[in-house]
Protein backbone atom coordinates (compact mmCIF):
# COMPACT_ATOMS: atom_id res chain seq x y z
CA UNK A 1 0.00 0.00 0.00
CA UNK A 2 1.53 3.32 -1.05
CA UNK A 3 0.63 6.92 -1.72
CA UNK A 4 0.87 6.15 -5.44
CA UNK A 5 -2.26 3.96 -5.22
CA UNK A 6 -4.17 6.77 -3.51
CA UNK A 7 -2.93 9.35 -6.00
CA UNK A 8 -4.06 7.17 -8.93
CA UNK A 9 -7.57 6.80 -7.54
CA UNK A 10 -7.89 10.48 -6.68
CA UNK A 11 -6.44 11.42 -10.07
CA UNK A 12 -9.24 9.51 -11.84
CA UNK A 13 -11.86 11.12 -9.59
CA UNK A 14 -10.34 14.56 -10.15
CA UNK A 15 -10.32 14.06 -13.92
CA UNK A 16 -13.99 13.02 -13.95
CA UNK A 17 -15.07 15.94 -11.76
CA UNK A 18 -13.17 18.47 -13.84
CA UNK A 19 -14.61 16.98 -17.03
CA UNK A 20 -18.07 17.69 -15.58
CA UNK A 21 -16.97 21.35 -15.09
CA UNK A 22 -17.48 21.25 -11.33
CA UNK A 23 -16.28 24.18 -9.24
CA UNK A 24 -13.37 24.05 -6.78
CA UNK A 25 -15.61 23.48 -3.76
CA UNK A 26 -17.50 20.56 -5.27
CA UNK A 27 -14.26 19.13 -6.62
CA UNK A 28 -12.74 19.15 -3.14
CA UNK A 29 -15.81 17.49 -1.62
CA UNK A 30 -15.98 14.72 -4.26
CA UNK A 31 -12.23 14.01 -3.98
CA UNK A 32 -12.49 13.87 -0.19
CA UNK A 33 -15.40 11.42 -0.47
CA UNK A 34 -13.40 9.29 -2.90
CA UNK A 35 -10.44 9.30 -0.52
CA UNK A 36 -12.59 8.25 2.46
CA UNK A 37 -14.24 5.54 0.38
CA UNK A 38 -10.89 4.13 -0.72
CA UNK A 39 -9.63 4.05 2.87
CA UNK A 40 -12.77 2.20 3.95
CA UNK A 41 -12.43 -0.22 1.04
CA UNK A 42 -8.78 -0.99 1.81
CA UNK A 43 -9.56 -0.96 5.56
CA UNK A 44 -8.12 1.85 7.69
CA UNK A 45 -4.97 0.17 8.93
CA UNK A 46 -2.07 2.49 9.85
CA UNK A 47 -0.36 1.89 6.50
CA UNK A 48 -3.52 2.77 4.56
CA UNK A 49 -4.20 5.94 6.57
CA UNK A 50 -0.56 6.94 6.21
CA UNK A 51 -0.60 6.37 2.45
CA UNK A 52 -3.89 8.25 2.12
CA UNK A 53 -2.47 11.31 3.87
CA UNK A 54 0.78 11.30 1.89
CA UNK A 55 -0.89 10.51 -1.45
CA UNK A 56 -3.48 13.25 -1.00
CA UNK A 57 -0.81 15.83 -0.19
CA UNK A 58 1.32 14.81 -3.15
CA UNK A 59 -1.68 14.95 -5.49
CA UNK A 60 -2.67 18.41 -4.28
CA UNK A 61 0.81 19.74 -4.96
CA UNK A 62 1.17 18.18 -8.39
CA UNK A 63 -2.39 18.91 -9.54
CA UNK A 64 -2.07 22.56 -8.51
CA UNK A 65 1.19 22.90 -10.39
CA UNK A 66 2.75 24.30 -7.23
CA UNK A 67 4.81 21.49 -5.70
CA UNK A 68 6.60 23.85 -3.32
CA UNK A 69 3.25 24.91 -1.86
CA UNK A 70 2.65 21.29 -0.95
CA UNK A 71 5.72 21.07 1.27
CA UNK A 72 4.08 23.02 4.14
CA UNK A 73 1.03 20.80 3.67
CA UNK A 74 3.27 17.74 3.92
CA UNK A 75 4.84 19.07 7.12
CA UNK A 76 1.43 19.85 8.59
CA UNK A 77 0.12 16.41 7.67
CA UNK A 78 3.10 14.74 9.31
CA UNK A 79 2.64 16.82 12.45
CA UNK A 80 -1.06 15.99 12.70
CA UNK A 81 -0.50 12.25 12.19
CA UNK A 82 2.23 12.13 14.84
CA UNK A 83 0.05 14.01 17.33
CA UNK A 84 -2.81 11.58 16.68
CA UNK A 85 -0.53 8.53 16.82
CA UNK A 86 2.86 9.29 18.46
CA UNK A 87 4.16 5.78 17.68
CA UNK A 88 4.41 6.80 14.02
CA UNK A 89 7.48 8.84 14.97
CA UNK A 90 9.46 5.59 15.20
CA UNK A 91 7.70 3.74 12.37
CA UNK A 92 9.95 2.92 9.40
CA UNK A 93 7.04 2.68 6.98
CA UNK A 94 5.85 6.14 7.97
CA UNK A 95 9.34 7.58 7.47
CA UNK A 96 9.58 6.01 4.01
CA UNK A 97 6.16 7.39 3.02
CA UNK A 98 7.07 10.90 4.12
CA UNK A 99 10.49 10.81 2.47
CA UNK A 100 9.11 9.43 -0.80
CA UNK A 101 6.44 12.14 -0.89
CA UNK A 102 9.05 14.80 -0.16
CA UNK A 103 11.25 13.46 -2.94
CA UNK A 104 8.34 13.54 -5.40
CA UNK A 105 7.55 17.14 -4.46
CA UNK A 106 11.05 18.62 -4.32
CA UNK A 107 13.28 16.53 -6.59
CA UNK A 108 11.11 14.87 -9.23
CA UNK A 109 9.78 18.07 -10.91
CA UNK A 110 13.28 19.60 -11.09
CA UNK A 111 14.81 16.46 -12.57
CA UNK A 112 11.89 15.97 -14.96
CA UNK A 113 12.18 19.53 -16.30
CA UNK A 114 15.96 19.21 -16.65
CA UNK A 115 15.57 16.05 -18.72
CA UNK A 116 12.90 17.67 -20.91
CA UNK A 117 15.23 20.60 -21.58
CA UNK A 118 17.83 18.09 -22.76
CA UNK A 119 15.43 16.66 -25.33
CA UNK A 120 13.78 13.81 -23.40
CA UNK A 121 10.09 13.18 -24.14
CA UNK A 122 8.01 14.39 -21.20
CA UNK A 123 6.50 10.94 -20.33
CA UNK A 124 9.94 9.31 -20.34
CA UNK A 125 11.43 12.12 -18.26
CA UNK A 126 8.70 11.82 -15.64
CA UNK A 127 8.92 8.01 -15.62
CA UNK A 128 12.63 8.23 -14.76
CA UNK A 129 12.49 11.23 -12.42
CA UNK A 130 9.76 9.84 -10.13
CA UNK A 131 11.38 6.53 -9.06
CA UNK A 132 14.84 8.12 -8.97
CA UNK A 133 13.62 10.88 -6.65
CA UNK A 134 11.83 8.41 -4.39
CA UNK A 135 14.89 6.14 -4.26
CA UNK A 136 17.26 9.00 -3.40
CA UNK A 137 14.94 10.31 -0.68
CA UNK A 138 14.33 6.90 0.89
CA UNK A 139 17.89 5.59 0.43
CA UNK A 140 19.26 6.46 3.90
CA UNK A 141 16.39 4.76 5.75
CA UNK A 142 16.52 1.70 3.49
CA UNK A 143 20.29 1.47 4.05
CA UNK A 144 19.79 1.72 7.81
CA UNK A 145 17.37 -1.23 7.99
CA UNK A 146 18.95 -3.45 5.30
CA UNK A 147 22.67 -2.70 5.49
CA UNK A 148 22.78 -2.29 1.71
CA UNK A 149 22.12 0.15 -1.12
CA UNK A 150 20.19 -1.18 -4.10
CA UNK A 151 21.49 -0.56 -7.60
CA UNK A 152 18.45 -2.14 -9.26
CA UNK A 153 15.66 -0.25 -7.48
CA UNK A 154 15.28 2.50 -10.08
CA UNK A 155 15.31 0.14 -13.11
CA UNK A 156 12.86 -2.17 -11.33
CA UNK A 157 10.51 0.73 -10.59
CA UNK A 158 10.75 1.87 -14.22
CA UNK A 159 9.72 -1.60 -15.37
CA UNK A 160 6.62 -1.68 -13.15
CA UNK A 161 5.42 1.88 -13.83
CA UNK A 162 3.05 0.78 -16.65
CA UNK A 163 1.45 -1.86 -14.42
CA UNK A 164 0.73 0.19 -11.28
CA UNK A 165 -2.27 2.17 -12.53
CA UNK A 166 -4.03 -0.77 -14.27
CA UNK A 167 -3.52 -3.05 -11.27
CA UNK A 168 -4.87 -0.41 -8.88
CA UNK A 169 -7.84 0.67 -10.98
CA UNK A 170 -8.92 -2.84 -11.98
CA UNK A 171 -8.56 -4.09 -8.41
CA UNK A 172 -10.66 -1.26 -7.01
CA UNK A 173 -13.22 -1.71 -9.81
CA UNK A 174 -13.55 -5.41 -8.97
CA UNK A 175 -14.16 -4.61 -5.29
CA UNK A 176 -16.68 -1.84 -6.00
CA UNK A 177 -18.60 -3.85 -8.62
CA UNK A 178 -18.73 -7.13 -6.71
CA UNK A 179 -21.87 -6.37 -4.63
CA UNK A 180 -23.91 -5.11 -7.62
CA UNK A 181 -22.50 -6.79 -10.75
CA UNK A 182 -20.52 -9.96 -9.93
CA UNK A 183 -19.83 -10.87 -13.56
CA UNK A 184 -18.21 -7.51 -14.27
CA UNK A 185 -16.28 -7.72 -11.02
CA UNK A 186 -14.97 -11.14 -11.99
CA UNK A 187 -13.82 -9.82 -15.36
CA UNK A 188 -12.10 -6.83 -13.73
CA UNK A 189 -10.33 -9.12 -11.29
CA UNK A 190 -9.22 -11.43 -14.12
CA UNK A 191 -7.88 -8.48 -16.10
CA UNK A 192 -6.21 -7.01 -13.01
CA UNK A 193 -4.24 -10.17 -12.33
CA UNK A 194 -1.96 -9.60 -15.32
CA UNK A 195 -0.41 -6.28 -14.24
CA UNK A 196 -0.29 -7.64 -10.68
CA UNK A 197 1.63 -10.69 -11.91
CA UNK A 198 4.09 -8.39 -13.67
CA UNK A 199 4.71 -6.55 -10.39
CA UNK A 200 5.46 -9.87 -8.68
CA UNK A 201 7.74 -11.05 -11.49
CA UNK A 202 9.83 -7.86 -11.44
CA UNK A 203 10.07 -7.89 -7.64
CA UNK A 204 11.04 -11.56 -7.54
CA UNK A 205 13.72 -11.45 -10.21
CA UNK A 206 14.92 -7.99 -9.20
CA UNK A 207 15.65 -9.34 -5.73
CA UNK A 208 17.71 -12.16 -7.24
CA UNK A 209 19.92 -10.01 -9.49
CA UNK A 210 23.57 -10.84 -8.67
CA UNK A 211 25.29 -7.90 -6.99
CA UNK A 212 21.99 -6.00 -7.07
CA UNK A 213 22.73 -4.47 -3.68
CA UNK A 214 25.96 -2.86 -2.52
CA UNK A 215 26.88 -3.50 1.15
CA UNK A 216 26.55 -0.42 3.36
CA UNK A 217 26.85 0.24 7.10
CA UNK A 218 23.50 -0.36 8.78
CA UNK A 219 21.82 1.47 11.63
CA UNK A 220 21.75 5.17 12.38
CA UNK A 221 25.40 5.70 11.47
CA UNK A 222 24.89 4.21 7.99
CA UNK A 223 21.76 6.30 7.42
CA UNK A 224 23.48 9.54 8.43
CA UNK A 225 26.52 8.74 6.28
CA UNK A 226 24.42 8.07 3.17
CA UNK A 227 22.23 11.12 3.85
CA UNK A 228 25.30 13.36 4.10
CA UNK A 229 26.78 11.96 0.90
CA UNK A 230 23.45 12.31 -0.90
CA UNK A 231 23.04 15.96 0.09
CA UNK A 232 26.64 16.73 -0.84
CA UNK A 233 26.24 15.09 -4.26
CA UNK A 234 22.92 16.85 -4.94
CA UNK A 235 24.55 20.23 -4.35
CA UNK A 236 27.79 19.37 -6.11
CA UNK A 237 26.01 17.89 -9.13
CA UNK A 238 24.81 21.33 -10.12
CA UNK A 239 28.23 21.78 -11.75
CA UNK A 240 28.65 19.93 -15.07
CA UNK A 241 32.22 18.92 -14.25
CA UNK A 242 31.14 17.31 -10.98
CA UNK A 243 28.27 15.48 -12.70
CA UNK A 244 30.63 13.97 -15.24
CA UNK A 245 33.12 13.03 -12.52
CA UNK A 246 30.42 11.36 -10.41
CA UNK A 247 29.13 9.44 -13.45
CA UNK A 248 32.62 8.19 -14.30
CA UNK A 249 33.41 7.17 -10.69
CA UNK A 250 30.04 5.43 -10.29
CA UNK A 251 30.43 3.53 -13.55
CA UNK A 252 33.98 2.53 -12.67
CA UNK A 253 32.93 1.36 -9.22
CA UNK A 254 30.08 -0.76 -10.54
CA UNK A 255 32.11 -2.26 -13.37
CA UNK A 256 35.03 -2.94 -11.07
CA UNK A 257 33.02 -4.42 -8.22
CA UNK A 258 30.55 -6.45 -10.27
CA UNK A 259 32.98 -9.22 -11.34
CA UNK A 260 34.18 -9.57 -7.75
CA UNK A 261 30.62 -9.83 -6.43
CA UNK A 262 29.65 -12.35 -9.10
CA UNK A 263 32.71 -14.56 -8.63
CA UNK A 264 32.86 -14.36 -4.83
CA UNK A 265 31.17 -17.17 -2.95
CA UNK A 266 29.02 -14.81 -0.93
CA UNK A 267 26.15 -16.09 1.17
CA UNK A 268 25.42 -18.83 1.99
CA UNK A 269 28.89 -20.21 2.66
CA UNK A 270 29.86 -23.52 1.10
CA UNK A 271 29.28 -26.64 3.22
CA UNK A 272 27.01 -24.95 5.71
CA UNK A 273 25.13 -27.37 7.94
CA UNK A 274 23.03 -25.11 10.18
CA UNK A 275 22.08 -21.43 10.06
CA UNK A 276 20.56 -19.36 12.84
CA UNK A 277 18.55 -16.64 11.13
CA UNK A 278 18.58 -13.06 12.35
CA UNK A 279 14.85 -12.64 13.02
CA UNK A 280 15.01 -10.23 15.94
CA UNK A 281 13.87 -11.35 19.38
CA UNK A 282 12.93 -14.90 18.42
CA UNK A 283 14.19 -18.15 16.95
CA UNK A 284 14.44 -19.53 13.40
CA UNK A 285 17.02 -22.23 12.66
CA UNK A 286 17.66 -23.95 9.32
CA UNK A 287 19.24 -27.40 8.98
CA UNK A 288 20.49 -28.30 5.51
CA UNK A 289 19.03 -31.48 3.98
CA UNK A 290 20.31 -31.30 0.41
CA UNK A 291 20.33 -28.74 -2.42
CA UNK A 292 17.41 -26.36 -1.99
CA UNK A 293 15.98 -28.48 0.86
CA UNK A 294 16.02 -27.94 4.61
CA UNK A 295 14.37 -28.60 7.94
CA UNK A 296 13.28 -25.38 9.63
CA UNK A 297 13.04 -25.14 13.42
CA UNK A 298 10.75 -22.26 14.50
CA UNK A 299 9.84 -19.19 12.47
CA UNK A 300 10.66 -16.09 14.52
CA UNK A 301 8.19 -13.35 15.44
CA UNK A 302 7.16 -12.17 11.94
CA UNK A 303 7.07 -13.62 8.41
CA UNK A 304 9.38 -11.29 6.49
CA UNK A 305 12.62 -12.02 8.33
CA UNK A 306 12.43 -15.82 8.14
CA UNK A 307 11.26 -15.69 4.51
CA UNK A 308 14.26 -13.56 3.55
CA UNK A 309 16.64 -15.83 5.45
CA UNK A 310 15.32 -18.88 3.59
CA UNK A 311 15.55 -17.04 0.27
CA UNK A 312 19.16 -16.14 0.95
CA UNK A 313 19.88 -19.80 1.63
CA UNK A 314 18.11 -20.90 -1.54
CA UNK A 315 15.63 -23.10 0.33
CA UNK A 316 12.77 -24.01 -2.01
CA UNK A 317 11.42 -27.07 -0.18
CA UNK A 318 10.96 -27.37 3.57
CA UNK A 319 10.97 -31.07 4.40
CA UNK A 320 9.79 -30.38 7.93
CA UNK A 321 8.74 -27.32 9.84
CA UNK A 322 9.41 -28.07 13.52
CA UNK A 323 7.81 -25.93 16.22
CA UNK A 324 9.70 -26.01 19.51
CA UNK A 325 6.77 -24.38 21.35
CA UNK A 326 3.92 -22.01 20.58
CA UNK A 327 5.16 -18.65 21.87
CA UNK A 328 4.77 -15.93 19.26
CA UNK A 329 8.52 -15.26 18.99
CA UNK A 330 8.82 -18.80 17.63
CA UNK A 331 5.67 -19.13 15.48
CA UNK A 332 4.70 -15.54 14.55
CA UNK A 333 6.54 -15.86 11.24
CA UNK A 334 5.02 -19.19 10.20
CA UNK A 335 3.53 -17.62 7.05
CA UNK A 336 7.07 -16.71 5.94
CA UNK A 337 8.16 -20.36 6.05
CA UNK A 338 5.27 -21.37 3.77
CA UNK A 339 5.59 -18.37 1.44
CA UNK A 340 6.45 -19.63 -2.04
CA UNK A 341 7.72 -23.00 -0.76
CA UNK A 342 6.50 -26.54 -0.52
CA UNK A 343 6.28 -27.66 3.10
CA UNK A 344 5.99 -31.42 3.52
CA UNK A 345 5.09 -31.66 7.21
CA UNK A 346 4.74 -29.84 10.52
CA UNK A 347 6.00 -31.24 13.83
CA UNK A 348 4.90 -29.75 17.15
CA UNK A 349 5.32 -30.51 20.85
CA UNK A 350 2.50 -32.31 22.70
CA UNK A 351 2.15 -29.29 25.04
CA UNK A 352 -0.64 -27.17 23.42
CA UNK A 353 -0.10 -23.83 25.12
CA UNK A 354 -0.44 -20.99 24.40
CA UNK A 355 -3.59 -22.10 22.54
CA UNK A 356 -3.57 -19.06 20.24
CA UNK A 357 -0.10 -19.97 18.98
CA UNK A 358 -1.06 -23.56 18.33
CA UNK A 359 -4.22 -22.44 16.50
CA UNK A 360 -2.16 -20.15 14.24
CA UNK A 361 0.21 -22.99 13.25
CA UNK A 362 -2.68 -25.41 12.76
CA UNK A 363 -4.54 -22.94 10.55
CA UNK A 364 -1.50 -22.47 8.34
CA UNK A 365 -0.99 -26.25 8.07
CA UNK A 366 -4.64 -26.81 7.18
CA UNK A 367 -4.58 -24.05 4.57
CA UNK A 368 -1.52 -25.66 2.93
CA UNK A 369 -2.93 -29.18 3.34
CA UNK A 370 0.14 -30.23 5.30
CA UNK A 371 -0.03 -32.91 8.02
CA UNK A 372 0.65 -31.69 11.56
CA UNK A 373 1.93 -34.20 14.11
CA UNK A 374 2.80 -33.90 17.81
CA UNK A 375 6.13 -35.65 18.41
CA UNK A 376 7.54 -37.09 21.62
CA UNK A 377 10.90 -38.46 22.80
CA UNK A 378 12.40 -40.97 20.40
CA UNK A 379 10.68 -39.60 17.30
CA UNK A 380 13.19 -39.59 14.43
CA UNK A 381 13.39 -38.34 10.87
CA UNK A 382 16.07 -38.81 8.20
CA UNK A 383 16.54 -37.20 4.80
CA UNK A 384 19.41 -35.96 2.66
CA UNK A 385 22.12 -36.93 5.13
CA UNK A 386 20.27 -35.24 8.01
CA UNK A 387 19.04 -37.27 10.98
CA UNK A 388 16.71 -35.58 13.44
CA UNK A 389 15.81 -36.99 16.87
CA UNK A 390 13.48 -35.58 19.51
CA UNK A 391 15.05 -36.15 22.95
CA UNK A 392 12.68 -34.21 25.18
CA UNK A 393 10.58 -33.40 27.08
CA UNK A 394 9.86 -36.79 28.66
CA UNK A 395 6.69 -35.80 30.46
CA UNK A 396 4.68 -32.58 30.84
CA UNK A 397 6.22 -30.17 33.33
CA UNK A 398 3.77 -28.14 35.44
CA UNK A 399 4.26 -25.20 37.78
CA UNK A 400 7.63 -24.13 36.39
CA UNK A 401 8.84 -20.60 35.72
CA UNK A 402 7.30 -20.97 32.22
CA UNK A 403 5.52 -24.21 31.36
CA UNK A 404 5.49 -23.57 27.56
CA UNK A 405 9.24 -22.94 27.63
CA UNK A 406 9.93 -25.98 29.77
CA UNK A 407 7.88 -28.19 27.49
CA UNK A 408 9.79 -27.14 24.37
CA UNK A 409 10.72 -29.85 21.92
CA UNK A 410 14.44 -30.53 22.31
CA UNK A 411 15.91 -31.79 19.06
CA UNK A 412 19.31 -33.30 18.39
CA UNK A 413 20.42 -33.39 14.76
CA UNK A 414 23.29 -35.09 13.00
CA UNK A 415 24.43 -33.69 9.66
CA UNK A 416 27.72 -34.05 7.78
CA UNK A 417 29.19 -35.95 10.72
CA UNK A 418 28.45 -33.15 13.20
CA UNK A 419 25.86 -32.90 15.97
CA UNK A 420 23.58 -29.94 16.58
CA UNK A 421 21.49 -29.44 19.72
CA UNK A 422 18.32 -27.34 19.45
CA UNK A 423 16.72 -26.94 22.90
CA UNK A 424 14.09 -24.32 22.01
CA UNK A 425 13.43 -22.19 25.09
CA UNK A 426 14.07 -25.00 27.59
CA UNK A 427 14.93 -23.60 31.00
CA UNK A 428 16.53 -25.11 34.10
CA UNK A 429 13.69 -27.56 34.87
CA UNK A 430 13.66 -29.20 31.44
CA UNK A 431 17.44 -29.13 31.20
CA UNK A 432 17.65 -30.98 34.51
CA UNK A 433 15.06 -33.50 33.30
CA UNK A 434 17.16 -34.22 30.21
CA UNK A 435 20.26 -34.84 32.31
CA UNK A 436 18.31 -37.07 34.74
CA UNK A 437 16.77 -39.24 32.01
CA UNK A 438 19.54 -39.34 29.42
CA UNK A 439 22.77 -38.45 31.16
CA UNK A 440 25.33 -35.81 30.07
CA UNK A 441 26.59 -37.77 27.07
CA UNK A 442 23.20 -37.63 25.31
CA UNK A 443 23.17 -33.82 25.08
CA UNK A 444 26.75 -33.47 23.90
CA UNK A 445 26.91 -31.50 20.62
CA UNK A 446 29.33 -29.71 18.33
CA UNK A 447 26.90 -26.86 17.71
CA UNK A 448 24.46 -25.46 20.29
CA UNK A 449 21.59 -23.15 19.53
CA UNK A 450 21.66 -21.52 22.97
CA UNK A 451 18.35 -22.03 24.77
CA UNK A 452 15.90 -19.19 25.34
CA UNK A 453 17.97 -16.51 23.59
CA UNK A 454 20.72 -16.85 26.16
CA UNK A 455 18.54 -16.13 29.19
CA UNK A 456 19.82 -16.53 32.74
CA UNK A 457 17.53 -19.56 33.27
CA UNK A 458 20.23 -22.07 32.28
CA UNK A 459 21.55 -25.00 34.25
CA UNK A 460 25.39 -24.78 34.46
CA UNK A 461 25.68 -28.57 34.45
CA UNK A 462 23.64 -28.73 31.25
CA UNK A 463 25.78 -26.12 29.51
CA UNK A 464 28.95 -27.95 30.57
CA UNK A 465 27.54 -31.28 29.38
CA UNK A 466 26.77 -29.93 25.90
CA UNK A 467 30.34 -28.59 25.63
CA UNK A 468 29.86 -27.08 22.16
CA UNK A 469 32.53 -25.85 19.77
CA UNK A 470 30.03 -23.33 18.37
CA UNK A 471 27.30 -21.57 20.38
CA UNK A 472 24.79 -19.55 18.36
CA UNK A 473 22.56 -17.06 20.19
CA UNK A 474 19.37 -15.92 18.47
CA UNK A 475 18.45 -12.63 20.11
CA UNK A 476 17.04 -9.21 19.20
CA UNK A 477 18.72 -5.87 19.63
CA UNK A 478 17.95 -3.79 22.72
CA UNK A 479 15.43 -6.33 24.04
CA UNK A 480 13.78 -5.71 27.40
CA UNK A 481 14.61 -9.15 28.82
CA UNK A 482 18.33 -8.74 29.43
CA UNK A 483 19.11 -11.43 26.85
CA UNK A 484 21.69 -12.79 26.48
CA UNK A 485 23.04 -13.26 29.99
CA UNK A 486 26.69 -12.18 30.25
CA UNK A 487 27.59 -14.90 32.78
CA UNK A 488 26.21 -17.60 30.48
CA UNK A 489 28.19 -16.31 27.50
CA UNK A 490 31.32 -16.17 29.62
CA UNK A 491 30.80 -19.77 30.75
CA UNK A 492 30.40 -20.93 27.16
CA UNK A 493 33.53 -19.05 26.17
CA UNK A 494 35.57 -20.52 29.02
CA UNK A 495 34.47 -23.96 27.85
CA UNK A 496 36.07 -23.30 24.46
CA UNK A 497 32.97 -22.39 22.45
CA UNK A 498 33.00 -19.81 19.68
CA UNK A 499 30.00 -17.66 20.70
CA UNK A 500 28.19 -15.49 18.13
CA UNK A 501 24.97 -13.48 18.43
CA UNK A 502 22.46 -12.61 15.71
CA UNK A 503 21.88 -9.12 17.14
CA UNK A 504 25.54 -8.32 16.52
CA UNK A 505 26.42 -10.35 13.41
CA UNK A 506 23.18 -11.16 11.54
CA UNK A 507 22.61 -14.66 10.10
CA UNK A 508 25.04 -17.19 11.59
CA UNK A 509 26.21 -20.40 9.90
CA UNK A 510 28.16 -23.38 11.17
CA UNK A 511 30.30 -24.75 8.34
CA UNK A 512 32.25 -27.99 7.87
CA UNK A 513 35.65 -27.10 6.44
CA UNK A 514 37.52 -28.98 3.72
CA UNK A 515 39.66 -30.75 6.32
CA UNK A 516 36.62 -31.89 8.29
CA UNK A 517 36.92 -29.16 10.90
CA UNK A 518 34.20 -26.81 12.06
CA UNK A 519 34.03 -23.10 11.32
CA UNK A 520 31.48 -20.40 11.96
CA UNK A 521 30.50 -17.67 9.49
CA UNK A 522 28.51 -14.52 10.08
CA UNK A 523 26.80 -13.18 6.99
CA UNK A 524 29.19 -10.78 5.29
CA UNK A 525 32.15 -11.73 7.52
CA UNK A 526 35.03 -14.10 6.71
CA UNK A 527 34.85 -17.56 8.34
CA UNK A 528 36.55 -18.10 11.67
CA UNK A 529 37.68 -21.49 12.94
CA UNK A 530 35.77 -23.00 15.82
CA UNK A 531 38.18 -25.83 16.54
CA UNK A 532 37.48 -29.55 16.77
């Protein structure tokens, strides 16, 4: 949902009202009614309301032929929205909407007119100026959240420009006609699928372009750096000599870096056996089971992060989706695991709480017609050189610090001759139960996905018994829980483990080296030996 969709709808309404020779007052009333109707149709979620406000402001400025007069309106709209909903001040989507609108108002007309003066046809000049202005304005925020700068965003946006208006108008027509003329609505929906498919095709293949994104420092520092460089270049580019110099340097950088990016191994690293995805404050672990195939343990708190992690790993078929327990930070992203992939089965713990979490996983499994089975100790699965065994819990634990955590499925995997222990969010009670029933040798592993995001609720004897060479901590930045616990990390380090955290290093992979050793790789970093 973007301001462009709103502007397209209002543009059609504005054209029809002007064609009927309506006065300014009636025009404003009809456009306002159209805007309210579109918001109701799309449902007034924060993203829709935000897009409506930004799209309306942009349309007013462009339709009036006075884009600079729209800048105060943009500022006023932002101020009003933040007063109504203060949380928007920290919302990335809101920032991108505001920046894109500002770019369309301040940069796009100037660039369009400059291209027209140089002989470009007006439609072509506007088609290039609009996505370029939006990309430049949004670049610092995108770099901050992704740690990269796209070099394919503008070409991709140019390719989809012809499809945006038909997809929007036909989709809205189908929705409006459906209550009164179902046959016409069906035809509009059928026609609207084709431009919508084109949008999906461009987005899918644009995301897969080799070297399509240049690495950039993430976070606030990266955003400020790119913003400063952007402003400096915008001012400096007013001089023809500087423009030519920038063009030559940019072309040389791309042509020089492209072969390196294409030939370099990149991500994922060769011979990876397990990856802990950076999904924020939650868990999502991927065990390799052959080319394009994997077993996924948990899905993190939201779909996008786990979906992107699986895409980066090239996972097209999920042999098993294993749920350690039903807390939202482990199952909230379940839709991302299923998105665009075949999932062959779902394994869950017998403990059904929280019921809302279990219902969400069950609904997704039913929708995909995938069997869902509760597994207990001794359950095993083998495929593609991967052997998976459930080793706990042995019996339901009641009255603990957190019963769902202490009834997590504990899974031990063997892949490429190495063992991986995945204890979910098991805390001291379940860890003690495992030691009592199985003994220390049964939990020994080369790679440990540290339980419960490295919380303090860990049994020292359990940690010592695992004795991992690699300890991977899945944890979110600046979380309110105090995860991970410093004493726990120190204990793992003293035991000889190479400890890495997703909040500091992103996706983390354990890799079997050519000599049969074990290494650990953080996405974008060189591999470091883990010993053994």
